[in-house]
């Protein structure tokens, strides 16, 4: 994936971050794979939260796909 697209993904995650931080959590971009999947690490209150999967799919993934064409899925990593 190009550096420009990686920058767009990082910018989008920076926009999402305050929402997660307001609930005591955070998110870190770990990797963008060759298949355009985005690996992230949830931190703080988000880590292990029962709603974390929904946050990733309905929040983070949806927003990334809207703002950065070509993004695959968002995959949580430890």
N, C-alpha and C. Protein backbone atom coordinates (compact mmCIF):
# COMPACT_ATOMS: atom_id res chain seq x y z
N UNK A 1 0.85 -1.18 0.00
CA UNK A 1 0.00 0.00 0.00
C UNK A 1 0.89 1.23 0.00
N UNK A 2 0.47 2.24 -0.71
CA UNK A 2 1.32 3.42 -0.85
C UNK A 2 1.42 4.20 0.46
N UNK A 3 2.47 4.96 0.57
CA UNK A 3 2.68 5.78 1.76
C UNK A 3 1.56 6.80 1.92
N UNK A 4 1.04 7.31 0.79
CA UNK A 4 -0.04 8.28 0.84
C UNK A 4 -1.30 7.66 1.47
N UNK A 5 -1.62 6.44 1.09
CA UNK A 5 -2.80 5.78 1.66
C UNK A 5 -2.56 5.46 3.13
N UNK A 6 -1.37 5.03 3.48
CA UNK A 6 -1.05 4.79 4.89
C UNK A 6 -1.22 6.06 5.71
N UNK A 7 -0.81 7.19 5.15
CA UNK A 7 -0.98 8.47 5.83
C UNK A 7 -2.47 8.79 6.02
N UNK A 8 -3.28 8.50 5.01
CA UNK A 8 -4.73 8.75 5.12
C UNK A 8 -5.35 7.87 6.21
N UNK A 9 -4.89 6.63 6.29
CA UNK A 9 -5.39 5.73 7.33
C UNK A 9 -5.00 6.27 8.70
N UNK A 10 -3.76 6.70 8.85
CA UNK A 10 -3.29 7.25 10.12
C UNK A 10 -4.09 8.50 10.49
N UNK A 11 -4.35 9.36 9.52
CA UNK A 11 -5.14 10.57 9.77
C UNK A 11 -6.55 10.22 10.24
N UNK A 12 -7.15 9.22 9.63
CA UNK A 12 -8.49 8.79 10.00
C UNK A 12 -8.50 8.24 11.43
N UNK A 13 -7.50 7.45 11.76
CA UNK A 13 -7.41 6.91 13.12
C UNK A 13 -7.22 8.04 14.13
N UNK A 14 -6.47 9.07 13.76
CA UNK A 14 -6.31 10.22 14.65
C UNK A 14 -7.64 10.92 14.91
N UNK A 15 -8.52 10.92 13.92
CA UNK A 15 -9.85 11.52 14.08
C UNK A 15 -10.74 10.67 14.99
N UNK A 16 -10.56 9.36 14.95
CA UNK A 16 -11.36 8.44 15.76
C UNK A 16 -10.88 8.41 17.21
N UNK A 17 -9.59 8.60 17.39
CA UNK A 17 -8.94 8.48 18.70
C UNK A 17 -9.64 9.25 19.83
N UNK A 18 -10.03 10.52 19.66
CA UNK A 18 -10.66 11.24 20.77
C UNK A 18 -11.95 10.58 21.28
N UNK A 19 -12.71 9.98 20.39
CA UNK A 19 -13.93 9.28 20.80
C UNK A 19 -13.58 8.12 21.74
N UNK A 20 -12.55 7.36 21.39
CA UNK A 20 -12.15 6.24 22.23
C UNK A 20 -11.53 6.72 23.54
N UNK A 21 -10.75 7.78 23.47
CA UNK A 21 -10.11 8.31 24.67
C UNK A 21 -11.13 8.86 25.67
N UNK A 22 -12.24 9.37 25.15
CA UNK A 22 -13.27 9.89 26.05
C UNK A 22 -13.91 8.79 26.89
N UNK A 23 -13.79 7.54 26.43
CA UNK A 23 -14.28 6.39 27.18
C UNK A 23 -13.16 5.65 27.91
N UNK A 24 -11.98 6.24 27.97
CA UNK A 24 -10.87 5.65 28.69
C UNK A 24 -10.04 4.66 27.88
N UNK A 25 -10.24 4.66 26.55
CA UNK A 25 -9.50 3.73 25.70
C UNK A 25 -8.62 4.46 24.72
N UNK A 26 -8.08 3.72 23.77
CA UNK A 26 -7.25 4.30 22.72
C UNK A 26 -7.07 3.25 21.63
N UNK A 27 -6.51 3.68 20.52
CA UNK A 27 -6.27 2.79 19.39
C UNK A 27 -4.93 3.12 18.77
N UNK A 28 -4.21 2.09 18.35
CA UNK A 28 -2.89 2.27 17.74
C UNK A 28 -2.87 1.53 16.40
N UNK A 29 -2.41 2.20 15.35
CA UNK A 29 -2.22 1.55 14.07
C UNK A 29 -0.96 0.70 14.14
N UNK A 30 -1.10 -0.60 13.87
CA UNK A 30 0.02 -1.53 13.94
C UNK A 30 0.61 -1.76 12.55
N UNK A 31 -0.28 -2.03 11.57
CA UNK A 31 0.22 -2.40 10.24
C UNK A 31 -0.90 -2.27 9.21
N UNK A 32 -0.52 -1.94 8.00
CA UNK A 32 -1.41 -2.04 6.85
C UNK A 32 -0.83 -3.15 5.98
N UNK A 33 -1.59 -4.22 5.77
CA UNK A 33 -1.08 -5.38 5.06
C UNK A 33 -1.12 -5.18 3.55
N UNK A 34 -0.52 -6.12 2.84
CA UNK A 34 -0.52 -6.07 1.37
C UNK A 34 -1.94 -6.19 0.81
N UNK A 35 -2.84 -6.82 1.57
CA UNK A 35 -4.23 -6.97 1.16
C UNK A 35 -5.09 -5.78 1.56
N UNK A 36 -4.45 -4.72 2.04
CA UNK A 36 -5.12 -3.49 2.48
C UNK A 36 -5.94 -3.67 3.75
N UNK A 37 -5.67 -4.73 4.52
CA UNK A 37 -6.29 -4.87 5.83
C UNK A 37 -5.52 -3.99 6.80
N UNK A 38 -6.22 -3.50 7.80
CA UNK A 38 -5.63 -2.59 8.77
C UNK A 38 -5.60 -3.28 10.12
N UNK A 39 -4.40 -3.49 10.64
CA UNK A 39 -4.24 -4.10 11.95
C UNK A 39 -4.09 -3.00 12.99
N UNK A 40 -4.91 -3.10 14.04
CA UNK A 40 -4.88 -2.10 15.10
C UNK A 40 -4.80 -2.78 16.45
N UNK A 41 -4.34 -2.04 17.43
CA UNK A 41 -4.28 -2.52 18.81
C UNK A 41 -5.14 -1.60 19.66
N UNK A 42 -6.14 -2.17 20.32
CA UNK A 42 -6.96 -1.39 21.25
C UNK A 42 -6.24 -1.34 22.59
N UNK A 43 -6.37 -0.20 23.26
CA UNK A 43 -5.66 -0.01 24.51
C UNK A 43 -6.61 0.55 25.56
N UNK A 44 -6.17 0.50 26.81
CA UNK A 44 -6.94 1.06 27.91
C UNK A 44 -8.26 0.34 28.09
N UNK A 45 -9.33 1.09 28.35
CA UNK A 45 -10.64 0.51 28.61
C UNK A 45 -11.19 -0.24 27.40
N UNK A 46 -10.72 0.07 26.20
CA UNK A 46 -11.20 -0.62 24.99
C UNK A 46 -10.69 -2.04 24.90
N UNK A 47 -9.54 -2.27 25.48
CA UNK A 47 -8.95 -3.61 25.41
C UNK A 47 -9.76 -4.58 26.26
N UNK A 48 -10.32 -5.58 25.63
CA UNK A 48 -11.11 -6.57 26.34
C UNK A 48 -12.55 -6.13 26.61
N UNK A 49 -12.94 -4.96 26.18
CA UNK A 49 -14.30 -4.47 26.38
C UNK A 49 -15.26 -5.32 25.55
N UNK A 50 -16.42 -5.69 26.11
CA UNK A 50 -17.39 -6.48 25.35
C UNK A 50 -17.85 -5.79 24.06
N UNK A 51 -17.85 -4.48 24.02
CA UNK A 51 -18.28 -3.74 22.84
C UNK A 51 -17.17 -3.44 21.85
N UNK A 52 -15.97 -3.93 22.12
CA UNK A 52 -14.81 -3.60 21.28
C UNK A 52 -14.98 -4.08 19.85
N UNK A 53 -15.53 -5.26 19.66
CA UNK A 53 -15.71 -5.79 18.29
C UNK A 53 -16.67 -4.91 17.50
N UNK A 54 -17.73 -4.47 18.14
CA UNK A 54 -18.69 -3.60 17.46
C UNK A 54 -18.04 -2.25 17.17
N UNK A 55 -17.25 -1.74 18.11
CA UNK A 55 -16.55 -0.48 17.89
C UNK A 55 -15.64 -0.59 16.67
N UNK A 56 -14.93 -1.70 16.55
CA UNK A 56 -14.02 -1.89 15.41
C UNK A 56 -14.78 -1.99 14.10
N UNK A 57 -15.83 -2.80 14.06
CA UNK A 57 -16.55 -3.04 12.80
C UNK A 57 -17.45 -1.87 12.43
N UNK A 58 -18.25 -1.39 13.36
CA UNK A 58 -19.25 -0.37 13.05
C UNK A 58 -18.68 1.05 13.14
N UNK A 59 -17.60 1.21 13.85
CA UNK A 59 -17.00 2.53 13.99
C UNK A 59 -15.75 2.70 13.16
N UNK A 60 -14.68 2.04 13.57
CA UNK A 60 -13.38 2.22 12.95
C UNK A 60 -13.38 1.74 11.50
N UNK A 61 -13.81 0.49 11.27
CA UNK A 61 -13.77 -0.06 9.91
C UNK A 61 -14.67 0.72 8.96
N UNK A 62 -15.87 1.03 9.40
CA UNK A 62 -16.80 1.76 8.54
C UNK A 62 -16.23 3.13 8.16
N UNK A 63 -15.67 3.81 9.13
CA UNK A 63 -15.12 5.14 8.86
C UNK A 63 -13.90 5.07 7.95
N UNK A 64 -13.03 4.12 8.17
CA UNK A 64 -11.87 3.95 7.30
C UNK A 64 -12.29 3.68 5.86
N UNK A 65 -13.26 2.79 5.68
CA UNK A 65 -13.72 2.45 4.33
C UNK A 65 -14.37 3.66 3.64
N UNK A 66 -15.04 4.51 4.42
CA UNK A 66 -15.65 5.71 3.86
C UNK A 66 -14.59 6.72 3.41
N UNK A 67 -13.54 6.86 4.20
CA UNK A 67 -12.55 7.91 3.96
C UNK A 67 -11.35 7.46 3.15
N UNK A 68 -11.07 6.17 3.11
CA UNK A 68 -9.89 5.67 2.41
C UNK A 68 -10.30 4.51 1.51
N UNK A 69 -10.61 4.79 0.24
CA UNK A 69 -11.02 3.73 -0.67
C UNK A 69 -9.96 2.62 -0.77
N UNK A 70 -10.42 1.38 -0.79
CA UNK A 70 -9.52 0.25 -0.93
C UNK A 70 -9.18 -0.44 0.37
N UNK A 71 -9.57 0.13 1.50
CA UNK A 71 -9.29 -0.51 2.79
C UNK A 71 -10.09 -1.79 2.89
N UNK A 72 -9.43 -2.86 3.36
CA UNK A 72 -10.11 -4.14 3.58
C UNK A 72 -10.79 -4.12 4.92
N UNK A 73 -10.45 -5.11 5.74
CA UNK A 73 -11.06 -5.15 7.06
C UNK A 73 -10.11 -4.65 8.14
N UNK A 74 -10.69 -4.33 9.30
CA UNK A 74 -9.89 -3.92 10.44
C UNK A 74 -9.73 -5.15 11.33
N UNK A 75 -8.49 -5.46 11.67
CA UNK A 75 -8.18 -6.67 12.44
C UNK A 75 -7.51 -6.27 13.75
N UNK A 76 -8.10 -6.66 14.88
CA UNK A 76 -7.47 -6.37 16.17
C UNK A 76 -6.30 -7.31 16.43
N UNK A 77 -5.23 -6.79 16.99
CA UNK A 77 -4.07 -7.60 17.39
C UNK A 77 -3.74 -7.28 18.83
N UNK A 78 -3.06 -8.21 19.48
CA UNK A 78 -2.64 -8.01 20.87
C UNK A 78 -1.32 -7.31 20.94
